[in-house]
């Protein structure tokens, strides 16, 4: 085996000419920790939402069709209070966002 091969493949004091502390530098550094499956799925879903953000109106018929499919799959007529609570909550969130936006539009003095 040649002198160059000894320098690269040997450890400790026999590694002449490589410099102090360079034994570990010759190794390939380990890969960075990969994110978990749930983190990757969350990132993928968020990227998809951002990609479709300008096309939300095109998804409205899909949402209506999905809602109709769920409604027709029910065995009995659902009670009226859950959609009423959802409508009131959505209206409250919309009004709150509108009032907050109006407050930010005012100049600060």
N, C-alpha and C. Protein backbone atom coordinates (compact mmCIF):
# COMPACT_ATOMS: atom_id res chain seq x y z
N UNK A 1 0.85 -1.16 0.00
CA UNK A 1 0.00 0.00 0.00
C UNK A 1 0.90 1.23 0.00
N UNK A 2 0.52 2.24 -0.78
CA UNK A 2 1.34 3.44 -0.92
C UNK A 2 1.20 4.36 0.27
N UNK A 3 2.09 5.35 0.33
CA UNK A 3 2.11 6.30 1.44
C UNK A 3 0.82 7.14 1.47
N UNK A 4 0.29 7.52 0.30
CA UNK A 4 -0.94 8.31 0.25
C UNK A 4 -2.12 7.54 0.80
N UNK A 5 -2.18 6.26 0.48
CA UNK A 5 -3.27 5.43 0.98
C UNK A 5 -3.19 5.28 2.48
N UNK A 6 -1.96 5.20 3.02
CA UNK A 6 -1.81 5.10 4.47
C UNK A 6 -2.28 6.36 5.16
N UNK A 7 -1.98 7.51 4.56
CA UNK A 7 -2.38 8.77 5.17
C UNK A 7 -3.89 8.91 5.23
N UNK A 8 -4.57 8.45 4.22
CA UNK A 8 -6.02 8.60 4.16
C UNK A 8 -6.73 7.55 4.99
N UNK A 9 -6.22 6.32 4.98
CA UNK A 9 -6.96 5.23 5.61
C UNK A 9 -6.55 4.95 7.04
N UNK A 10 -5.46 5.47 7.53
CA UNK A 10 -5.03 5.16 8.90
C UNK A 10 -5.47 6.25 9.84
N UNK A 11 -5.61 5.88 11.10
CA UNK A 11 -6.08 6.80 12.13
C UNK A 11 -4.98 7.02 13.15
N UNK A 12 -5.13 8.05 13.89
CA UNK A 12 -4.25 8.30 15.02
C UNK A 12 -2.92 8.91 14.60
N UNK A 13 -1.86 8.50 15.25
CA UNK A 13 -0.55 9.11 15.06
C UNK A 13 0.08 8.70 13.75
N UNK A 14 -0.36 7.64 13.13
CA UNK A 14 0.23 7.19 11.88
C UNK A 14 -0.18 8.08 10.71
N UNK A 15 -1.19 8.90 10.87
CA UNK A 15 -1.65 9.77 9.79
C UNK A 15 -0.74 10.98 9.71
N UNK A 16 0.41 10.80 9.10
CA UNK A 16 1.43 11.84 9.01
C UNK A 16 1.07 12.81 7.90
N UNK A 17 1.22 14.10 8.15
CA UNK A 17 1.04 15.11 7.13
C UNK A 17 -0.38 15.59 6.94
N UNK A 18 -1.31 15.09 7.69
CA UNK A 18 -2.69 15.52 7.51
C UNK A 18 -3.04 16.69 8.41
N UNK A 19 -2.23 17.03 9.35
CA UNK A 19 -2.52 18.13 10.24
C UNK A 19 -3.23 17.67 11.49
N UNK A 20 -3.18 18.49 12.49
CA UNK A 20 -3.76 18.12 13.78
C UNK A 20 -5.28 18.21 13.72
N UNK A 21 -5.95 17.20 14.23
CA UNK A 21 -7.40 17.18 14.30
C UNK A 21 -8.09 16.94 12.97
N UNK A 22 -7.35 16.54 11.96
CA UNK A 22 -7.97 16.37 10.65
C UNK A 22 -8.46 14.96 10.40
N UNK A 23 -8.34 14.08 11.38
CA UNK A 23 -8.82 12.71 11.18
C UNK A 23 -10.31 12.69 10.90
N UNK A 24 -11.07 13.51 11.64
CA UNK A 24 -12.52 13.55 11.45
C UNK A 24 -12.91 14.33 10.21
N UNK A 25 -12.04 15.23 9.77
CA UNK A 25 -12.36 16.04 8.60
C UNK A 25 -12.37 15.21 7.33
N UNK A 26 -11.67 14.10 7.33
CA UNK A 26 -11.64 13.26 6.14
C UNK A 26 -12.93 12.46 5.98
N UNK A 27 -13.74 12.38 7.04
CA UNK A 27 -14.99 11.63 6.97
C UNK A 27 -16.09 12.48 6.34
N UNK A 28 -17.06 11.83 5.76
CA UNK A 28 -18.21 12.51 5.20
C UNK A 28 -19.10 12.92 6.36
N UNK A 29 -19.49 14.21 6.45
CA UNK A 29 -20.34 14.63 7.57
C UNK A 29 -21.72 13.98 7.48
N UNK A 30 -22.33 13.69 8.61
CA UNK A 30 -23.66 13.06 8.59
C UNK A 30 -24.70 14.03 8.04
N UNK A 31 -25.74 13.47 7.45
CA UNK A 31 -26.83 14.29 6.93
C UNK A 31 -27.56 14.96 8.07
N UNK A 32 -28.16 16.09 7.77
CA UNK A 32 -28.97 16.78 8.76
C UNK A 32 -30.20 15.93 9.06
N UNK A 33 -30.75 16.11 10.25
CA UNK A 33 -31.93 15.35 10.64
C UNK A 33 -33.10 15.69 9.71
N UNK A 34 -33.77 14.68 9.23
CA UNK A 34 -34.91 14.90 8.35
C UNK A 34 -36.14 15.18 9.19
N UNK A 35 -37.04 16.04 8.68
CA UNK A 35 -38.26 16.32 9.45
C UNK A 35 -39.15 15.09 9.52
N UNK A 36 -40.00 15.07 10.52
CA UNK A 36 -40.90 13.94 10.71
C UNK A 36 -41.93 13.88 9.58
N UNK A 37 -42.62 12.77 9.50
CA UNK A 37 -43.63 12.58 8.47
C UNK A 37 -44.75 13.60 8.62
N UNK A 38 -45.19 13.85 9.85
CA UNK A 38 -46.27 14.81 10.05
C UNK A 38 -45.83 16.21 9.66
N UNK A 39 -44.58 16.57 9.94
CA UNK A 39 -44.09 17.90 9.55
C UNK A 39 -44.02 18.02 8.02
N UNK A 40 -43.58 16.95 7.35
CA UNK A 40 -43.53 17.00 5.89
C UNK A 40 -44.93 17.06 5.29
N UNK A 41 -45.89 16.32 5.86
CA UNK A 41 -47.26 16.37 5.35
C UNK A 41 -47.88 17.75 5.57
N UNK A 42 -47.62 18.34 6.75
CA UNK A 42 -48.13 19.67 7.03
C UNK A 42 -47.55 20.69 6.04
N UNK A 43 -46.25 20.60 5.79
CA UNK A 43 -45.61 21.51 4.84
C UNK A 43 -46.16 21.31 3.44
N UNK A 44 -46.37 20.06 3.04
CA UNK A 44 -46.94 19.78 1.72
C UNK A 44 -48.35 20.35 1.61
N UNK A 45 -49.19 20.13 2.64
CA UNK A 45 -50.56 20.63 2.60
C UNK A 45 -50.58 22.16 2.54
N UNK A 46 -49.72 22.80 3.30
CA UNK A 46 -49.68 24.26 3.30
C UNK A 46 -49.21 24.77 1.94
N UNK A 47 -48.24 24.11 1.32
CA UNK A 47 -47.80 24.50 -0.01
C UNK A 47 -48.92 24.36 -1.03
N UNK A 48 -49.73 23.32 -0.89
CA UNK A 48 -50.86 23.12 -1.80
C UNK A 48 -51.91 24.21 -1.60
N UNK A 49 -52.18 24.57 -0.34
CA UNK A 49 -53.15 25.63 -0.06
C UNK A 49 -52.66 26.94 -0.67
N UNK A 50 -51.39 27.25 -0.50
CA UNK A 50 -50.85 28.49 -1.07
C UNK A 50 -50.89 28.47 -2.60
N UNK A 51 -50.65 27.31 -3.18
CA UNK A 51 -50.69 27.21 -4.64
C UNK A 51 -52.11 27.41 -5.18
N UNK A 52 -53.11 27.02 -4.41
CA UNK A 52 -54.50 27.13 -4.86
C UNK A 52 -55.19 28.39 -4.36
N UNK A 53 -54.48 29.27 -3.65
CA UNK A 53 -55.12 30.41 -3.02
C UNK A 53 -55.76 31.36 -4.03
N UNK A 54 -55.22 31.47 -5.21
CA UNK A 54 -55.81 32.36 -6.22
C UNK A 54 -56.96 31.67 -6.96
N UNK A 55 -57.16 30.40 -6.73
CA UNK A 55 -58.21 29.65 -7.44
C UNK A 55 -59.32 29.19 -6.52
N UNK A 56 -59.52 29.87 -5.38
CA UNK A 56 -60.51 29.38 -4.41
C UNK A 56 -61.91 29.42 -4.99
N UNK A 57 -62.19 30.34 -5.89
CA UNK A 57 -63.53 30.38 -6.49
C UNK A 57 -63.79 29.16 -7.36
N UNK A 58 -62.74 28.63 -7.94
CA UNK A 58 -62.92 27.44 -8.78
C UNK A 58 -63.23 26.21 -7.93
N UNK A 59 -62.84 26.23 -6.66
CA UNK A 59 -63.10 25.10 -5.78
C UNK A 59 -64.50 25.16 -5.14
N UNK A 60 -65.21 26.25 -5.29
CA UNK A 60 -66.56 26.38 -4.70
C UNK A 60 -67.51 25.28 -5.19
N UNK A 61 -67.59 24.98 -6.50
CA UNK A 61 -68.48 23.89 -6.93
C UNK A 61 -68.09 22.54 -6.34
N UNK A 62 -66.80 22.33 -6.15
CA UNK A 62 -66.35 21.08 -5.54
C UNK A 62 -66.84 20.99 -4.10
N UNK A 63 -66.77 22.10 -3.38
CA UNK A 63 -67.25 22.12 -1.99
C UNK A 63 -68.75 21.89 -1.93
N UNK A 64 -69.50 22.55 -2.83
CA UNK A 64 -70.95 22.34 -2.85
C UNK A 64 -71.29 20.89 -3.20
N UNK A 65 -70.60 20.33 -4.15
CA UNK A 65 -70.84 18.93 -4.52
C UNK A 65 -70.51 17.98 -3.39
N UNK A 66 -69.41 18.24 -2.69
CA UNK A 66 -69.05 17.41 -1.53
C UNK A 66 -70.08 17.51 -0.43
N UNK A 67 -70.57 18.74 -0.18
CA UNK A 67 -71.60 18.92 0.83
C UNK A 67 -72.90 18.21 0.47
N UNK A 68 -73.27 18.26 -0.81
CA UNK A 68 -74.48 17.56 -1.26
C UNK A 68 -74.31 16.05 -1.12
N UNK A 69 -73.13 15.55 -1.45
CA UNK A 69 -72.88 14.11 -1.31
C UNK A 69 -72.98 13.67 0.14
N UNK A 70 -72.44 14.45 1.04
CA UNK A 70 -72.53 14.11 2.47
C UNK A 70 -73.99 14.17 2.93
N UNK A 71 -74.71 15.20 2.48
CA UNK A 71 -76.12 15.34 2.88
C UNK A 71 -76.95 14.15 2.41
N UNK A 72 -76.76 13.74 1.16
CA UNK A 72 -77.55 12.62 0.65
C UNK A 72 -77.12 11.28 1.22
N UNK A 73 -75.92 11.21 1.79
CA UNK A 73 -75.45 9.97 2.40
C UNK A 73 -76.00 9.78 3.81
N UNK A 74 -76.56 10.83 4.41
CA UNK A 74 -77.10 10.72 5.77
C UNK A 74 -78.34 9.84 5.78
N UNK A 75 -78.54 9.14 6.88
CA UNK A 75 -79.70 8.25 7.00
C UNK A 75 -80.96 9.01 7.44
N UNK A 76 -80.78 10.12 8.12
CA UNK A 76 -81.93 10.92 8.55
C UNK A 76 -81.59 12.39 8.42
N UNK A 77 -82.63 13.22 8.45
CA UNK A 77 -82.44 14.66 8.33
C UNK A 77 -81.67 15.19 9.54
N UNK A 78 -80.60 15.96 9.32
CA UNK A 78 -79.82 16.47 10.45
C UNK A 78 -80.56 17.60 11.17
N UNK A 79 -80.24 17.82 12.45
CA UNK A 79 -80.87 18.93 13.16
C UNK A 79 -80.39 20.27 12.59
N UNK A 80 -81.14 21.33 12.85
CA UNK A 80 -80.85 22.63 12.28
C UNK A 80 -79.83 23.42 13.09
N UNK A 81 -79.65 23.11 14.36
CA UNK A 81 -78.79 23.96 15.19
C UNK A 81 -77.30 23.93 14.82
N UNK A 82 -76.67 22.82 14.38
CA UNK A 82 -75.24 22.91 14.04
C UNK A 82 -74.92 23.87 12.89
N UNK A 83 -75.67 23.83 11.76
CA UNK A 83 -75.36 24.82 10.72
C UNK A 83 -75.68 26.25 11.15
N UNK A 84 -76.72 26.41 11.99
CA UNK A 84 -77.04 27.76 12.47
C UNK A 84 -75.91 28.30 13.35
N UNK A 85 -75.36 27.48 14.23
CA UNK A 85 -74.23 27.90 15.07
C UNK A 85 -73.01 28.20 14.21
N UNK A 86 -72.77 27.38 13.19
CA UNK A 86 -71.63 27.61 12.30
C UNK A 86 -71.80 28.92 11.53
N UNK A 87 -73.04 29.21 11.07
CA UNK A 87 -73.28 30.45 10.32
C UNK A 87 -73.09 31.67 11.21
N UNK A 88 -73.60 31.61 12.44
CA UNK A 88 -73.43 32.73 13.37
C UNK A 88 -71.96 32.92 13.72
N UNK A 89 -71.25 31.84 13.94
CA UNK A 89 -69.82 31.93 14.25
C UNK A 89 -69.03 32.51 13.08
N UNK A 90 -69.33 32.04 11.88
CA UNK A 90 -68.62 32.55 10.70
C UNK A 90 -68.91 34.03 10.49
N UNK A 91 -70.14 34.44 10.72
CA UNK A 91 -70.49 35.86 10.61
C UNK A 91 -69.74 36.68 11.65
N UNK A 92 -69.65 36.17 12.86
CA UNK A 92 -68.90 36.88 13.91
C UNK A 92 -67.43 37.01 13.58
N UNK A 93 -66.83 35.95 13.07
CA UNK A 93 -65.41 36.00 12.68
C UNK A 93 -65.22 36.99 11.54
N UNK A 94 -66.13 36.98 10.57
CA UNK A 94 -66.02 37.90 9.43
C UNK A 94 -66.14 39.35 9.89
N UNK A 95 -67.12 39.64 10.75
CA UNK A 95 -67.28 41.00 11.26
C UNK A 95 -66.08 41.43 12.10
N UNK A 96 -65.58 40.52 12.93
CA UNK A 96 -64.40 40.84 13.73
C UNK A 96 -63.19 41.16 12.86
N UNK A 97 -62.99 40.38 11.82
CA UNK A 97 -61.86 40.63 10.91
C UNK A 97 -62.05 41.96 10.18
N UNK A 98 -63.28 42.25 9.79
CA UNK A 98 -63.55 43.50 9.09
C UNK A 98 -63.30 44.70 10.01
N UNK A 99 -63.72 44.60 11.27
CA UNK A 99 -63.48 45.70 12.21
C UNK A 99 -62.01 45.86 12.52
N UNK A 100 -61.28 44.76 12.65
CA UNK A 100 -59.84 44.86 12.90
C UNK A 100 -59.12 45.48 11.71
N UNK A 101 -59.52 45.13 10.52
CA UNK A 101 -58.90 45.68 9.32
C UNK A 101 -59.19 47.17 9.22
N UNK A 102 -60.40 47.57 9.56
CA UNK A 102 -60.76 48.98 9.53
C UNK A 102 -59.93 49.75 10.54
N UNK A 103 -59.71 49.17 11.71
CA UNK A 103 -58.90 49.83 12.74
C UNK A 103 -57.47 50.01 12.30
N UNK A 104 -56.92 49.08 11.55
CA UNK A 104 -55.53 49.18 11.09
C UNK A 104 -55.39 50.20 9.96
N UNK A 105 -56.48 50.45 9.25
CA UNK A 105 -56.40 51.38 8.13
C UNK A 105 -56.32 52.82 8.60
N UNK A 106 -56.71 53.10 9.85
CA UNK A 106 -56.66 54.46 10.37
C UNK A 106 -55.23 54.88 10.63
N UNK A 107 -54.88 56.12 10.30
CA UNK A 107 -53.50 56.57 10.58
C UNK A 107 -53.26 56.72 12.06
N UNK A 108 -52.08 56.38 12.50
CA UNK A 108 -51.70 56.53 13.91
C UNK A 108 -51.11 57.91 14.12
N UNK A 109 -51.53 58.60 15.18
CA UNK A 109 -51.00 59.93 15.48
C UNK A 109 -50.33 59.95 16.81
